Protein backbone atom coordinates (compact mmCIF):
# COMPACT_ATOMS: atom_id res chain seq x y z
CA MET A 1 139.01 54.56 -82.21
CA LYS A 2 136.69 54.33 -79.36
CA LEU A 3 136.18 56.83 -76.50
CA LEU A 4 136.16 54.74 -73.35
CA ARG A 5 135.71 57.62 -70.80
CA ASN A 6 136.26 61.29 -70.42
CA ASP A 7 136.22 63.86 -67.60
CA PRO A 8 135.64 67.27 -68.81
CA SER A 9 136.68 68.90 -65.68
CA THR A 10 140.25 67.50 -65.96
CA ASP A 11 140.36 67.52 -69.74
CA ILE A 12 141.44 63.93 -69.86
CA ALA A 13 139.98 61.14 -72.03
CA ILE A 14 140.87 57.50 -72.50
CA PHE A 15 140.28 55.95 -76.03
CA ARG A 16 140.73 52.37 -77.40
CA PHE A 17 142.70 51.89 -80.65
CA GLU A 18 142.09 48.76 -82.31
CA ASN A 19 144.20 47.47 -85.43
CA ALA A 20 146.02 50.68 -85.50
CA ASP A 21 149.53 50.87 -86.22
CA ILE A 22 150.79 53.68 -83.89
CA PRO A 23 153.61 53.90 -81.60
CA VAL A 24 153.35 52.92 -78.08
CA ALA A 25 155.28 54.80 -75.07
CA PRO A 26 156.64 51.94 -72.84
CA ILE A 27 156.40 51.94 -69.10
CA GLY A 28 159.88 52.92 -67.93
CA ASP A 29 161.96 51.32 -65.45
CA ALA A 30 163.90 53.45 -62.74
CA LYS A 31 166.75 51.06 -62.68
CA THR A 32 167.54 51.69 -66.40
CA LEU A 33 167.04 55.63 -66.06
CA LYS A 34 169.88 57.55 -67.18
CA VAL A 35 170.94 61.47 -67.20
CA GLY A 36 169.37 62.77 -70.35
CA HIS A 37 166.36 60.53 -70.53
CA LEU A 38 163.00 62.23 -71.32
CA VAL A 39 160.29 61.42 -68.75
CA LEU A 40 156.58 62.01 -68.19
CA SER A 41 154.81 61.81 -64.80
CA LEU A 42 151.33 61.61 -64.05
CA ALA A 43 149.92 62.11 -60.61
CA ARG A 44 146.92 63.08 -58.46
CA SER A 45 147.77 65.87 -56.36
CA SER A 46 146.57 66.60 -52.74
CA ASP A 47 143.68 68.71 -53.77
CA GLY A 48 142.44 65.89 -56.17
CA ASN A 49 143.45 67.13 -59.59
CA ILE A 50 145.65 65.32 -61.88
CA ARG A 51 148.90 66.70 -62.84
CA ALA A 52 151.30 65.94 -65.79
CA THR A 53 154.95 66.98 -65.62
CA MET A 54 157.46 66.26 -68.55
CA GLY A 55 160.94 67.06 -68.65
CA GLY A 56 164.50 65.57 -68.84
CA VAL A 57 166.64 63.87 -66.00
CA SER A 58 169.35 66.01 -65.13
CA ALA A 59 170.67 63.92 -62.07
CA LEU A 60 170.29 60.65 -60.35
CA GLY A 61 170.61 59.57 -56.69
CA GLY A 62 169.37 62.79 -55.17
CA ALA A 63 166.89 63.11 -52.09
């Protein structure tokens, strides 16, 4: 494991794992999203901070 970058102010770090037998979360496709799926969202908010939200899909097609 190698630390590539970190940001103490946001408590986020990026690591590189080589030759590691670890599970990888696939990037999802909104077209296959279904009610009940577990989702994770990462975004930079208007104040510049990074936000992470995790939850389950409760409905589709809303505005």
